Amino acid sequence: MFTKSTKTNTVHILLLEQLRDVESCLLYFESFMRAACTEGTVHETLKSLAVNVGDAEAKADISLRKMIDSLQGHAYLPSTREDIISVATRCDKIANACEGIANHVVYQHFSFPTQFTDDLLEIVSITHNQFEVLEKAITRLFTNFGDMLKDHSILDEIRDFESKVDKIEHKLNEQIYALDIELAARMQLAKYLESLCDISDTIENIADKMQIMLITRKA
């Protein structure tokens, strides 16, 4: 299925390029969140950092389209093409989410309360590490598909990261709704938290999709 050499498999080369672009977007987003969580950061700095996130997201979009176009030149089964496109488009949602959060923080001139910033940045860091493991798992589909059929425990590693994020999210939601501020402000903060954690959920969903791909092709 995915066993062609990486050096000659255009689809894999372009998929890896897309993944690198999505990771680049995550890195820019991480820089944006560090600035957004730093007291005294001026609005113009956040706007500039949000532009970087948006530019990286646009680059990831281009990589996605190039990879999808390249599928026309490969003799993959229709179901395999659909699976590759499904994984790639779900990865693209990660970059879209980063851009969306950064833009809304800028548009709303939102400030994260200092008592939550360490935990929020930990979520961002965990999510980045989670995505790096996802990249390795996707690469194995092309380079060691037989081994992945026998042992896909790397997908459980991805789920473990999501569980860590989920625990932080639960703790922060309890703290947010205990704040002595207007309900609208609490809901706004909770929405940002939800959007941030959704990125980790998306990565976990990609891992689930990959496991389904493996199970349906296992003899």
Protein backbone atom coordinates (compact mmCIF):
# COMPACT_ATOMS: atom_id res chain seq x y z
CA MET A 1 0.00 0.00 0.00
CA PHE A 2 2.45 2.71 1.20
CA THR A 3 5.64 0.75 0.62
CA LYS A 4 7.27 2.74 -2.19
CA SER A 5 10.64 4.33 -1.46
CA THR A 6 10.35 7.76 0.11
CA LYS A 7 13.01 9.10 -2.25
CA THR A 8 10.87 8.32 -5.31
CA ASN A 9 7.37 8.58 -3.84
CA THR A 10 6.22 12.07 -4.78
CA VAL A 11 3.10 11.78 -2.65
CA HIS A 12 5.11 11.02 0.48
CA ILE A 13 7.63 13.77 -0.25
CA LEU A 14 4.86 16.34 -0.68
CA LEU A 15 2.94 15.05 2.34
CA LEU A 16 6.06 15.46 4.47
CA GLU A 17 6.42 18.97 3.06
CA GLN A 18 2.86 19.74 4.11
CA LEU A 19 3.49 18.34 7.60
CA ARG A 20 6.59 20.51 7.95
CA ASP A 21 4.54 23.54 6.95
CA VAL A 22 1.85 22.68 9.50
CA GLU A 23 4.53 22.27 12.17
CA SER A 24 6.00 25.62 11.15
CA CYS A 25 2.55 27.12 11.70
CA LEU A 26 2.45 25.50 15.14
CA LEU A 27 5.84 27.01 15.96
CA TYR A 28 4.70 30.49 14.92
CA PHE A 29 1.54 29.96 16.94
CA GLU A 30 3.63 28.96 19.94
CA SER A 31 5.54 32.24 19.63
CA PHE A 32 2.27 34.11 19.34
CA MET A 33 0.85 32.45 22.46
CA ARG A 34 4.00 33.16 24.47
CA ALA A 35 3.65 36.84 23.57
CA ALA A 36 -0.10 36.81 24.22
CA CYS A 37 0.52 35.28 27.64
CA THR A 38 3.22 37.81 28.53
CA GLU A 39 1.98 40.81 30.47
CA GLY A 40 2.72 44.09 28.72
CA THR A 41 3.02 42.76 25.16
CA VAL A 42 1.89 45.56 22.85
CA HIS A 43 -0.96 44.97 20.42
CA GLU A 44 1.16 45.69 17.33
CA THR A 45 3.53 42.88 18.31
CA LEU A 46 0.64 40.44 18.54
CA LYS A 47 -0.68 41.60 15.15
CA SER A 48 2.73 40.98 13.57
CA LEU A 49 3.01 37.53 15.13
CA ALA A 50 -0.54 36.68 14.00
CA VAL A 51 0.46 37.60 10.44
CA ASN A 52 3.32 35.08 10.70
CA VAL A 53 0.83 32.40 11.75
CA GLY A 54 -1.44 33.30 8.85
CA ASP A 55 1.40 33.21 6.33
CA ALA A 56 2.44 29.77 7.59
CA GLU A 57 -1.15 28.55 7.32
CA ALA A 58 -1.33 29.77 3.73
CA LYS A 59 1.89 27.94 2.91
CA ALA A 60 0.47 24.73 4.41
CA ASP A 61 -2.61 25.15 2.20
CA ILE A 62 -0.42 25.30 -0.89
CA SER A 63 1.49 22.19 0.20
CA LEU A 64 -1.80 20.35 0.74
CA ARG A 65 -3.03 21.16 -2.76
CA LYS A 66 0.27 20.10 -4.33
CA MET A 67 0.15 16.77 -2.50
CA ILE A 68 -3.44 16.11 -3.55
CA ASP A 69 -2.61 16.92 -7.18
CA SER A 70 0.33 14.51 -7.07
CA LEU A 71 -2.01 11.60 -6.30
CA GLN A 72 -3.11 11.63 -9.94
CA GLY A 73 0.26 10.22 -10.93
CA HIS A 74 0.18 7.23 -8.57
CA ALA A 75 -1.55 3.88 -8.91
CA TYR A 76 -3.11 3.92 -5.45
CA LEU A 77 -6.47 2.30 -4.93
CA PRO A 78 -9.32 4.83 -4.62
CA SER A 79 -9.75 3.94 -0.93
CA THR A 80 -6.05 4.60 -0.30
CA ARG A 81 -6.22 7.95 -2.04
CA GLU A 82 -9.24 8.88 0.06
CA ASP A 83 -7.40 7.90 3.25
CA ILE A 84 -4.30 9.92 2.36
CA ILE A 85 -6.42 12.95 1.52
CA SER A 86 -8.39 12.51 4.75
CA VAL A 87 -5.23 12.48 6.88
CA ALA A 88 -3.75 15.45 5.01
CA THR A 89 -6.89 17.60 5.22
CA ARG A 90 -7.24 16.86 8.92
CA CYS A 91 -3.63 17.98 9.41
CA ASP A 92 -4.52 21.17 7.55
CA LYS A 93 -7.22 21.84 10.15
CA ILE A 94 -4.45 22.17 12.75
CA ALA A 95 -2.94 25.12 10.90
CA ASN A 96 -6.40 26.59 10.35
CA ALA A 97 -7.10 26.41 14.08
CA CYS A 98 -3.83 28.16 14.94
CA GLU A 99 -4.63 30.98 12.55
CA GLY A 100 -8.19 31.28 13.85
CA ILE A 101 -7.17 31.55 17.51
CA ALA A 102 -4.41 34.08 16.80
CA ASN A 103 -6.70 36.26 14.70
CA HIS A 104 -9.50 36.27 17.27
CA VAL A 105 -7.11 37.22 20.08
CA VAL A 106 -5.95 40.16 17.96
CA TYR A 107 -9.44 41.19 16.79
CA GLN A 108 -10.85 41.09 20.32
CA HIS A 109 -7.78 42.67 21.97
CA PHE A 110 -8.03 39.73 24.34
CA SER A 111 -5.73 39.34 27.34
CA PHE A 112 -5.22 35.96 29.00
CA PRO A 113 -5.42 36.18 32.82
CA THR A 114 -1.97 35.67 34.32
CA GLN A 115 -3.11 32.83 36.61
CA PHE A 116 -3.82 30.68 33.53
CA THR A 117 -0.88 31.48 31.28
CA ASP A 118 1.50 28.74 32.46
CA ASP A 119 -1.11 26.04 31.91
CA LEU A 120 -2.12 27.45 28.53
CA LEU A 121 1.48 27.45 27.35
CA GLU A 122 1.89 23.91 28.63
CA ILE A 123 -1.06 22.88 26.45
CA VAL A 124 0.60 24.48 23.43
CA SER A 125 3.91 22.72 24.18
CA ILE A 126 2.26 19.32 24.69
CA THR A 127 0.32 19.75 21.45
CA HIS A 128 3.52 20.50 19.52
CA ASN A 129 5.16 17.37 20.92
CA GLN A 130 2.05 15.39 20.05
CA PHE A 131 2.21 16.60 16.45
CA GLU A 132 5.87 15.56 16.18
CA VAL A 133 4.88 12.00 17.13
CA LEU A 134 2.08 12.16 14.55
CA GLU A 135 4.63 13.10 11.88
CA LYS A 136 6.68 10.03 12.77
CA ALA A 137 3.58 7.82 12.60
CA ILE A 138 2.58 9.12 9.18
CA THR A 139 6.11 8.59 7.88
CA ARG A 140 5.98 4.97 9.06
CA LEU A 141 2.88 4.41 6.92
CA PHE A 142 5.09 4.94 3.88
CA THR A 143 8.40 3.52 5.07
CA ASN A 144 7.39 0.68 7.43
CA PHE A 145 3.77 -0.09 6.66
CA GLY A 146 4.19 -3.78 7.48
CA ASP A 147 5.64 -2.95 10.88
CA MET A 148 2.81 -0.48 11.51
CA LEU A 149 0.31 -3.27 10.81
CA LYS A 150 1.97 -5.40 13.47
CA ASP A 151 2.60 -2.66 16.03
CA HIS A 152 0.82 0.69 15.99
CA SER A 153 1.53 1.56 19.62
CA ILE A 154 2.89 4.92 18.43
CA LEU A 155 -0.75 5.92 17.97
CA ASP A 156 -1.32 5.31 21.68
CA GLU A 157 1.51 7.77 22.39
CA ILE A 158 -0.47 10.38 20.50
CA ARG A 159 -3.55 9.62 22.59
CA ASP A 160 -1.50 9.89 25.79
CA PHE A 161 -0.61 13.48 24.89
CA GLU A 162 -4.30 14.27 24.34
CA SER A 163 -5.11 12.81 27.76
CA LYS A 164 -2.59 15.19 29.36
CA VAL A 165 -4.20 18.13 27.58
CA ASP A 166 -7.66 16.92 28.61
CA LYS A 167 -6.67 16.88 32.30
CA ILE A 168 -5.35 20.45 32.11
CA GLU A 169 -8.49 21.56 30.27
CA HIS A 170 -10.74 20.04 32.94
CA LYS A 171 -8.77 21.75 35.73
CA LEU A 172 -8.81 25.12 33.99
CA ASN A 173 -12.53 24.97 33.23
CA GLU A 174 -13.25 24.46 36.91
CA GLN A 175 -11.07 27.46 37.74
CA ILE A 176 -12.53 29.64 34.99
CA TYR A 177 -16.15 29.13 36.03
CA ALA A 178 -15.22 29.81 39.64
CA LEU A 179 -13.91 33.27 38.75
CA ASP A 180 -15.77 36.25 40.16
CA ILE A 181 -16.27 37.94 36.79
CA GLU A 182 -19.18 38.33 34.38
CA LEU A 183 -20.48 35.12 32.84
CA ALA A 184 -19.76 36.43 29.32
CA ALA A 185 -16.09 36.94 30.23
CA ARG A 186 -15.88 33.45 31.72
CA MET A 187 -17.45 31.96 28.60
CA GLN A 188 -15.09 33.88 26.34
CA LEU A 189 -12.06 32.56 28.21
CA ALA A 190 -13.50 29.04 28.23
CA LYS A 191 -14.04 29.26 24.47
CA TYR A 192 -10.39 30.12 23.90
CA LEU A 193 -9.41 27.18 26.09
CA GLU A 194 -11.71 24.88 24.12
CA SER A 195 -10.28 26.06 20.78
CA LEU A 196 -6.75 25.54 22.03
CA CYS A 197 -7.49 22.01 23.24
CA ASP A 198 -9.36 21.16 20.05
CA ILE A 199 -6.01 21.14 18.23
CA SER A 200 -4.88 18.21 20.37
CA ASP A 201 -8.25 16.53 19.78
CA THR A 202 -7.75 16.91 16.03
CA ILE A 203 -4.34 15.22 16.24
CA GLU A 204 -5.87 12.39 18.25
CA ASN A 205 -8.62 12.03 15.63
CA ILE A 206 -5.97 11.67 12.93
CA ALA A 207 -4.38 8.88 14.95
CA ASP A 208 -7.78 7.19 15.22
CA LYS A 209 -8.23 7.52 11.46
CA MET A 210 -4.83 5.95 10.88
CA GLN A 211 -5.70 3.00 13.13
CA ILE A 212 -8.88 2.43 11.12
CA MET A 213 -6.78 2.52 7.94
CA LEU A 214 -4.49 -0.15 9.36
CA ILE A 215 -7.29 -2.39 10.66
CA THR A 216 -9.21 -2.34 7.37
CA ARG A 217 -6.07 -3.42 5.49
CA LYS A 218 -4.90 -6.08 7.92
CA ALA A 219 -5.15 -9.59 6.55
